Amino acid sequence: FALSLTAFALAIIIATKELILCLSGSVLRATTTAFSVGDMIEIDGVCGEVVEHNLMSTAIMEVHPQGASEPYQLTGRRLVLPNSILLSKQLVNYGLIRRYVFHRFEMDFDAGLDPAAMTASIQAAAERQTAALGDVAQRYHALVASRSGLDLPGIAPRVTPGTTSIGGISFTITLFCPIKAAAEIQREIAAEALQAAHRLRQEATAAKQAARAAAVIEEEAGA
């Protein structure tokens, strides 16, 4: 009889395992205030804005993740995630106050470009695109810092050069900007960076042609 009771209890636990995990995930969310309706979150490779949550599941409107060509833009899909996922996967909350975020993206170029000139061009483009944010961004930055209790980086855009795995030049751009405007700002910066790269290639080609022509003139003069 004891073995039968044990087997029955074990069967009940196995059958309700997912239910128990979902309830536990809901308790975890409520006790840690990990997110709430309106927050932009990413979990298990899925990114979206939370539109509903209950004891069993969390519903989000999917958006393209940070680093995509169209970050934070809606895909048109509504996803329902079981709360059990909160117990086993890392959760990223993109905005402490929902509207602003530290947006980061990368741009890669061939190694033939001047890294200093490209860094200066991208930095100037980023500053132009974020200049319109002005005092509003500063106030939100101060609010985020006060709520989080952290010493956050400033709102000025930062461009960090590096290298790719194949020896090219990589630039990491970090901006403090509105979530909804991140995709547009990224597009404008990318467009200006591509124009700068094209201009630098043309200048390099012109310099090589001038050097080649000068070498030919010297050879003819020596002959």
C-alpha atoms as a PDB file:
ATOM      1  CA  PHE A   1       0.000   0.000   0.000  1.00  0.00           C
ATOM      2  CA  ALA A   2       2.871   2.368   0.853  1.00  0.00           C
ATOM      3  CA  LEU A   3       4.559   1.602  -2.462  1.00  0.00           C
ATOM      4  CA  SER A   4       1.291   2.256  -4.275  1.00  0.00           C
ATOM      5  CA  LEU A   5       0.896   5.622  -2.577  1.00  0.00           C
ATOM      6  CA  THR A   6       4.489   6.503  -3.440  1.00  0.00           C
ATOM      7  CA  ALA A   7       4.001   5.558  -7.079  1.00  0.00           C
ATOM      8  CA  PHE A   8       0.750   7.524  -7.235  1.00  0.00           C
ATOM      9  CA  ALA A   9       2.385  10.616  -5.689  1.00  0.00           C
ATOM     10  CA  LEU A  10       5.315  10.319  -8.095  1.00  0.00           C
ATOM     11  CA  ALA A  11       2.942  10.070 -11.054  1.00  0.00           C
ATOM     12  CA  ILE A  12       1.082  13.177  -9.889  1.00  0.00           C
ATOM     13  CA  ILE A  13       4.365  15.099  -9.558  1.00  0.00           C
ATOM     14  CA  ILE A  14       5.535  14.049 -13.004  1.00  0.00           C
ATOM     15  CA  ALA A  15       2.180  14.902 -14.571  1.00  0.00           C
ATOM     16  CA  THR A  16       2.080  18.345 -12.989  1.00  0.00           C
ATOM     17  CA  LYS A  17       5.782  19.124 -13.289  1.00  0.00           C
ATOM     18  CA  GLU A  18       5.325  21.805 -15.973  1.00  0.00           C
ATOM     19  CA  LEU A  19       2.436  23.338 -14.045  1.00  0.00           C
ATOM     20  CA  ILE A  20       4.551  23.553 -10.893  1.00  0.00           C
ATOM     21  CA  LEU A  21       7.468  25.063 -12.826  1.00  0.00           C
ATOM     22  CA  CYS A  22       5.196  27.688 -14.414  1.00  0.00           C
ATOM     23  CA  LEU A  23       3.812  28.657 -11.021  1.00  0.00           C
ATOM     24  CA  SER A  24       7.342  28.807  -9.603  1.00  0.00           C
ATOM     25  CA  GLY A  25       8.424  31.031 -12.509  1.00  0.00           C
ATOM     26  CA  SER A  26       5.476  33.327 -11.845  1.00  0.00           C
ATOM     27  CA  VAL A  27       6.469  33.576  -8.183  1.00  0.00           C
ATOM     28  CA  LEU A  28      10.053  34.350  -9.224  1.00  0.00           C
ATOM     29  CA  ARG A  29       8.904  37.147 -11.540  1.00  0.00           C
ATOM     30  CA  ALA A  30       6.639  38.640  -8.883  1.00  0.00           C
ATOM     31  CA  THR A  31       9.192  38.518  -6.075  1.00  0.00           C
ATOM     32  CA  THR A  32      12.127  39.836  -8.123  1.00  0.00           C
ATOM     33  CA  THR A  33      10.122  42.315 -10.259  1.00  0.00           C
ATOM     34  CA  ALA A  34      12.207  41.110 -13.209  1.00  0.00           C
ATOM     35  CA  PHE A  35       9.832  42.759 -15.670  1.00  0.00           C
ATOM     36  CA  SER A  36       6.339  44.151 -16.048  1.00  0.00           C
ATOM     37  CA  VAL A  37       3.929  44.975 -18.852  1.00  0.00           C
ATOM     38  CA  GLY A  38       5.563  47.405 -21.286  1.00  0.00           C
ATOM     39  CA  ASP A  39       9.157  46.290 -20.670  1.00  0.00           C
ATOM     40  CA  MET A  40      11.386  45.183 -23.540  1.00  0.00           C
ATOM     41  CA  ILE A  41      12.921  41.815 -22.654  1.00  0.00           C
ATOM     42  CA  GLU A  42      15.000  39.082 -24.265  1.00  0.00           C
ATOM     43  CA  ILE A  43      14.966  35.463 -23.116  1.00  0.00           C
ATOM     44  CA  ASP A  44      16.210  32.289 -24.823  1.00  0.00           C
ATOM     45  CA  GLY A  45      16.971  34.228 -28.019  1.00  0.00           C
ATOM     46  CA  VAL A  46      13.482  35.757 -28.202  1.00  0.00           C
ATOM     47  CA  CYS A  47      13.091  39.532 -27.862  1.00  0.00           C
ATOM     48  CA  GLY A  48       9.859  41.456 -27.446  1.00  0.00           C
ATOM     49  CA  GLU A  49       7.690  43.878 -25.508  1.00  0.00           C
ATOM     50  CA  VAL A  50       5.688  42.345 -22.652  1.00  0.00           C
ATOM     51  CA  VAL A  51       1.959  42.825 -23.256  1.00  0.00           C
ATOM     52  CA  GLU A  52       0.499  40.379 -20.731  1.00  0.00           C
ATOM     53  CA  HIS A  53       1.553  38.030 -17.946  1.00  0.00           C
ATOM     54  CA  ASN A  54      -0.291  35.692 -15.594  1.00  0.00           C
ATOM     55  CA  LEU A  55       0.405  32.712 -13.336  1.00  0.00           C
ATOM     56  CA  MET A  56       1.118  30.363 -16.236  1.00  0.00           C
ATOM     57  CA  SER A  57       2.568  32.363 -19.115  1.00  0.00           C
ATOM     58  CA  THR A  58       3.942  35.647 -20.431  1.00  0.00           C
ATOM     59  CA  ALA A  59       2.847  37.118 -23.762  1.00  0.00           C
ATOM     60  CA  ILE A  60       5.169  39.358 -25.769  1.00  0.00           C
ATOM     61  CA  MET A  61       5.030  41.171 -29.098  1.00  0.00           C
ATOM     62  CA  GLU A  62       8.198  40.012 -30.848  1.00  0.00           C
ATOM     63  CA  VAL A  63      10.739  42.557 -32.081  1.00  0.00           C
ATOM     64  CA  HIS A  64      14.085  42.222 -33.808  1.00  0.00           C
ATOM     65  CA  PRO A  65      16.837  41.904 -31.154  1.00  0.00           C
ATOM     66  CA  GLN A  66      19.659  44.319 -30.456  1.00  0.00           C
ATOM     67  CA  GLY A  67      22.351  44.045 -33.111  1.00  0.00           C
ATOM     68  CA  ALA A  68      19.896  43.278 -35.938  1.00  0.00           C
ATOM     69  CA  SER A  69      19.573  45.544 -38.967  1.00  0.00           C
ATOM     70  CA  GLU A  70      16.191  46.739 -37.643  1.00  0.00           C
ATOM     71  CA  PRO A  71      16.559  46.569 -33.831  1.00  0.00           C
ATOM     72  CA  TYR A  72      13.437  46.765 -31.628  1.00  0.00           C
ATOM     73  CA  GLN A  73      11.090  46.874 -34.647  1.00  0.00           C
ATOM     74  CA  LEU A  74       7.966  44.688 -34.468  1.00  0.00           C
ATOM     75  CA  THR A  75       7.913  41.450 -36.458  1.00  0.00           C
ATOM     76  CA  GLY A  76       4.123  41.157 -36.223  1.00  0.00           C
ATOM     77  CA  ARG A  77       4.193  37.965 -34.147  1.00  0.00           C
ATOM     78  CA  ARG A  78       2.683  37.556 -30.672  1.00  0.00           C
ATOM     79  CA  LEU A  79       4.520  34.922 -28.631  1.00  0.00           C
ATOM     80  CA  VAL A  80       3.271  33.195 -25.481  1.00  0.00           C
ATOM     81  CA  LEU A  81       6.090  31.869 -23.282  1.00  0.00           C
ATOM     82  CA  PRO A  82       5.545  29.497 -20.332  1.00  0.00           C
ATOM     83  CA  ASN A  83       6.761  30.997 -17.068  1.00  0.00           C
ATOM     84  CA  SER A  84       8.852  27.878 -16.469  1.00  0.00           C
ATOM     85  CA  ILE A  85      11.412  29.338 -18.892  1.00  0.00           C
ATOM     86  CA  LEU A  86      12.252  31.988 -16.293  1.00  0.00           C
ATOM     87  CA  LEU A  87      13.800  29.302 -14.075  1.00  0.00           C
ATOM     88  CA  SER A  88      16.243  27.963 -16.657  1.00  0.00           C
ATOM     89  CA  LYS A  89      17.064  30.788 -19.090  1.00  0.00           C
ATOM     90  CA  GLN A  90      18.818  34.135 -18.716  1.00  0.00           C
ATOM     91  CA  LEU A  91      16.503  37.137 -18.863  1.00  0.00           C
ATOM     92  CA  VAL A  92      17.630  40.513 -20.248  1.00  0.00           C
ATOM     93  CA  ASN A  93      15.527  43.613 -19.542  1.00  0.00           C
ATOM     94  CA  TYR A  94      16.514  46.290 -22.065  1.00  0.00           C
ATOM     95  CA  GLY A  95      15.003  49.302 -20.361  1.00  0.00           C
ATOM     96  CA  LEU A  96      14.775  50.122 -16.677  1.00  0.00           C
ATOM     97  CA  ILE A  97      12.216  52.798 -17.499  1.00  0.00           C
ATOM     98  CA  ARG A  98      11.019  51.361 -20.818  1.00  0.00           C
ATOM     99  CA  ARG A  99      11.685  54.316 -23.136  1.00  0.00           C
ATOM    100  CA  TYR A 100      15.503  54.596 -23.300  1.00  0.00           C
ATOM    101  CA  VAL A 101      18.202  51.964 -23.696  1.00  0.00           C
ATOM    102  CA  PHE A 102      21.956  51.629 -24.160  1.00  0.00           C
ATOM    103  CA  HIS A 103      21.900  50.442 -27.766  1.00  0.00           C
ATOM    104  CA  ARG A 104      25.007  48.714 -29.110  1.00  0.00           C
ATOM    105  CA  PHE A 105      25.770  47.549 -32.639  1.00  0.00           C
ATOM    106  CA  GLU A 106      28.831  46.712 -34.736  1.00  0.00           C
ATOM    107  CA  MET A 107      30.065  47.638 -38.191  1.00  0.00           C
ATOM    108  CA  ASP A 108      32.820  45.745 -40.039  1.00  0.00           C
ATOM    109  CA  PHE A 109      35.039  47.059 -42.843  1.00  0.00           C
ATOM    110  CA  ASP A 110      38.046  45.804 -44.787  1.00  0.00           C
ATOM    111  CA  ALA A 111      41.515  46.355 -43.357  1.00  0.00           C
ATOM    112  CA  GLY A 112      42.544  48.785 -46.109  1.00  0.00           C
ATOM    113  CA  LEU A 113      40.750  51.750 -44.540  1.00  0.00           C
ATOM    114  CA  ASP A 114      42.351  54.227 -42.142  1.00  0.00           C
ATOM    115  CA  PRO A 115      41.060  53.224 -38.653  1.00  0.00           C
ATOM    116  CA  ALA A 116      41.567  56.700 -37.176  1.00  0.00           C
ATOM    117  CA  ALA A 117      39.687  58.415 -40.002  1.00  0.00           C
ATOM    118  CA  MET A 118      36.833  55.893 -39.834  1.00  0.00           C
ATOM    119  CA  THR A 119      36.592  56.245 -36.047  1.00  0.00           C
ATOM    120  CA  ALA A 120      36.389  60.029 -36.348  1.00  0.00           C
ATOM    121  CA  SER A 121      33.740  59.807 -39.097  1.00  0.00           C
ATOM    122  CA  ILE A 122      31.547  57.351 -37.182  1.00  0.00           C
ATOM    123  CA  GLN A 123      31.941  59.356 -33.960  1.00  0.00           C
ATOM    124  CA  ALA A 124      30.862  62.549 -35.738  1.00  0.00           C
ATOM    125  CA  ALA A 125      27.883  60.787 -37.318  1.00  0.00           C
ATOM    126  CA  ALA A 126      26.790  59.340 -33.966  1.00  0.00           C
ATOM    127  CA  GLU A 127      27.052  62.735 -32.277  1.00  0.00           C
ATOM    128  CA  ARG A 128      24.980  64.372 -35.015  1.00  0.00           C
ATOM    129  CA  GLN A 129      22.251  61.746 -34.786  1.00  0.00           C
ATOM    130  CA  THR A 130      21.996  61.930 -30.986  1.00  0.00           C
ATOM    131  CA  ALA A 131      22.371  65.703 -30.647  1.00  0.00           C
ATOM    132  CA  ALA A 132      18.621  66.219 -31.056  1.00  0.00           C
ATOM    133  CA  LEU A 133      17.921  64.126 -27.942  1.00  0.00           C
ATOM    134  CA  GLY A 134      19.489  66.844 -25.783  1.00  0.00           C
ATOM    135  CA  ASP A 135      18.184  67.453 -22.273  1.00  0.00           C
ATOM    136  CA  VAL A 136      15.509  64.755 -22.518  1.00  0.00           C
ATOM    137  CA  ALA A 137      18.142  62.030 -22.792  1.00  0.00           C
ATOM    138  CA  GLN A 138      20.093  63.578 -19.933  1.00  0.00           C
ATOM    139  CA  ARG A 139      17.036  63.533 -17.664  1.00  0.00           C
ATOM    140  CA  TYR A 140      16.202  59.932 -18.499  1.00  0.00           C
ATOM    141  CA  HIS A 141      19.825  58.943 -17.958  1.00  0.00           C
ATOM    142  CA  ALA A 142      19.769  60.550 -14.504  1.00  0.00           C
ATOM    143  CA  LEU A 143      16.483  58.781 -13.707  1.00  0.00           C
ATOM    144  CA  VAL A 144      17.873  55.391 -14.766  1.00  0.00           C
ATOM    145  CA  ALA A 145      20.999  55.953 -12.667  1.00  0.00           C
ATOM    146  CA  SER A 146      18.976  56.923  -9.590  1.00  0.00           C
ATOM    147  CA  ARG A 147      16.601  53.954  -9.902  1.00  0.00           C
ATOM    148  CA  SER A 148      19.327  51.399 -10.546  1.00  0.00           C
ATOM    149  CA  GLY A 149      21.834  52.827  -8.071  1.00  0.00           C
ATOM    150  CA  LEU A 150      24.622  52.277 -10.597  1.00  0.00           C
ATOM    151  CA  ASP A 151      27.343  54.551 -11.940  1.00  0.00           C
ATOM    152  CA  LEU A 152      26.246  54.396 -15.580  1.00  0.00           C
ATOM    153  CA  PRO A 153      28.291  55.512 -18.597  1.00  0.00           C
ATOM    154  CA  GLY A 154      27.475  58.971 -19.925  1.00  0.00           C
ATOM    155  CA  ILE A 155      25.027  59.695 -22.726  1.00  0.00           C
ATOM    156  CA  ALA A 156      27.734  60.672 -25.225  1.00  0.00           C
ATOM    157  CA  PRO A 157      28.025  58.080 -28.024  1.00  0.00           C
ATOM    158  CA  ARG A 158      31.114  55.883 -27.909  1.00  0.00           C
ATOM    159  CA  VAL A 159      32.939  54.282 -30.845  1.00  0.00           C
ATOM    160  CA  THR A 160      35.401  51.488 -30.067  1.00  0.00           C
ATOM    161  CA  PRO A 161      37.591  50.164 -32.899  1.00  0.00           C
ATOM    162  CA  GLY A 162      38.731  46.571 -33.021  1.00  0.00           C
ATOM    163  CA  THR A 163      39.453  43.747 -35.452  1.00  0.00           C
ATOM    164  CA  THR A 164      37.368  40.969 -36.964  1.00  0.00           C
ATOM    165  CA  SER A 165      38.236  37.288 -37.056  1.00  0.00           C
ATOM    166  CA  ILE A 166      39.495  37.652 -40.641  1.00  0.00           C
ATOM    167  CA  GLY A 167      41.681  40.696 -40.000  1.00  0.00           C
ATOM    168  CA  GLY A 168      39.255  43.448 -40.934  1.00  0.00           C
ATOM    169  CA  ILE A 169      38.333  46.538 -38.906  1.00  0.00           C
ATOM    170  CA  SER A 170      35.395  46.388 -36.518  1.00  0.00           C
ATOM    171  CA  PHE A 171      33.695  49.345 -34.832  1.00  0.00           C
ATOM    172  CA  THR A 172      31.396  48.947 -31.831  1.00  0.00           C
ATOM    173  CA  ILE A 173      29.003  51.877 -31.423  1.00  0.00           C
ATOM    174  CA  THR A 174      27.184  52.428 -28.117  1.00  0.00           C
ATOM    175  CA  LEU A 175      24.339  54.945 -27.862  1.00  0.00           C
ATOM    176  CA  PHE A 176      21.900  56.034 -25.173  1.00  0.00           C
ATOM    177  CA  CYS A 177      18.723  56.607 -27.147  1.00  0.00           C
ATOM    178  CA  PRO A 178      14.968  55.953 -27.229  1.00  0.00           C
ATOM    179  CA  ILE A 179      14.125  52.320 -27.939  1.00  0.00           C
ATOM    180  CA  LYS A 180      11.723  53.260 -30.728  1.00  0.00           C
ATOM    181  CA  ALA A 181      14.316  55.482 -32.458  1.00  0.00           C
ATOM    182  CA  ALA A 182      17.261  53.060 -32.223  1.00  0.00           C
ATOM    183  CA  ALA A 183      16.704  51.485 -35.651  1.00  0.00           C
ATOM    184  CA  GLU A 184      16.486  54.842 -37.447  1.00  0.00           C
ATOM    185  CA  ILE A 185      19.561  56.219 -35.660  1.00  0.00           C
ATOM    186  CA  GLN A 186      21.509  53.053 -36.498  1.00  0.00           C
ATOM    187  CA  ARG A 187      20.532  53.322 -40.188  1.00  0.00           C
ATOM    188  CA  GLU A 188      21.636  56.952 -40.406  1.00  0.00           C
ATOM    189  CA  ILE A 189      24.983  56.248 -38.732  1.00  0.00           C
ATOM    190  CA  ALA A 190      25.570  53.231 -40.986  1.00  0.00           C
ATOM    191  CA  ALA A 191      24.782  55.302 -44.096  1.00  0.00           C
ATOM    192  CA  GLU A 192      27.242  58.037 -43.108  1.00  0.00           C
ATOM    193  CA  ALA A 193      29.897  55.447 -42.222  1.00  0.00           C
ATOM    194  CA  LEU A 194      29.529  53.765 -45.616  1.00  0.00           C
ATOM    195  CA  GLN A 195      29.862  57.137 -47.345  1.00  0.00           C
ATOM    196  CA  ALA A 196      33.004  57.866 -45.333  1.00  0.00           C
ATOM    197  CA  ALA A 197      34.448  54.461 -46.249  1.00  0.00           C
ATOM    198  CA  HIS A 198      33.701  55.094 -49.940  1.00  0.00           C
ATOM    199  CA  ARG A 199      35.369  58.507 -49.763  1.00  0.00           C
ATOM    200  CA  LEU A 200      38.467  57.075 -48.062  1.00  0.00           C
ATOM    201  CA  ARG A 201      38.759  54.339 -50.707  1.00  0.00           C
ATOM    202  CA  GLN A 202      38.540  56.924 -53.479  1.00  0.00           C
ATOM    203  CA  GLU A 203      41.196  59.070 -51.803  1.00  0.00           C
ATOM    204  CA  ALA A 204      43.452  56.033 -51.368  1.00  0.00           C
ATOM    205  CA  THR A 205      42.980  55.073 -55.032  1.00  0.00           C
ATOM    206  CA  ALA A 206      43.711  58.631 -56.169  1.00  0.00           C
ATOM    207  CA  ALA A 207      46.853  58.738 -54.030  1.00  0.00           C
ATOM    208  CA  LYS A 208      48.099  55.453 -55.536  1.00  0.00           C
ATOM    209  CA  GLN A 209      47.446  56.698 -59.060  1.00  0.00           C
ATOM    210  CA  ALA A 210      49.267  59.952 -58.319  1.00  0.00           C
ATOM    211  CA  ALA A 211      52.229  58.049 -56.859  1.00  0.00           C
ATOM    212  CA  ARG A 212      52.296  55.746 -59.878  1.00  0.00           C
ATOM    213  CA  ALA A 213      52.198  58.688 -62.261  1.00  0.00           C
ATOM    214  CA  ALA A 214      54.996  60.436 -60.349  1.00  0.00           C
ATOM    215  CA  ALA A 215      57.106  57.265 -60.535  1.00  0.00           C
ATOM    216  CA  VAL A 216      56.584  57.053 -64.307  1.00  0.00           C
ATOM    217  CA  ILE A 217      57.604  60.714 -64.757  1.00  0.00           C
ATOM    218  CA  GLU A 218      60.757  60.135 -62.711  1.00  0.00           C
ATOM    219  CA  GLU A 219      61.639  57.095 -64.819  1.00  0.00           C
ATOM    220  CA  GLU A 220      61.144  59.057 -68.056  1.00  0.00           C
ATOM    221  CA  ALA A 221      63.172  61.977 -66.695  1.00  0.00           C
ATOM    222  CA  GLY A 222      66.004  59.625 -65.697  1.00  0.00           C
ATOM    223  CA  ALA A 223      65.992  58.001 -69.117  1.00  0.00           C
END
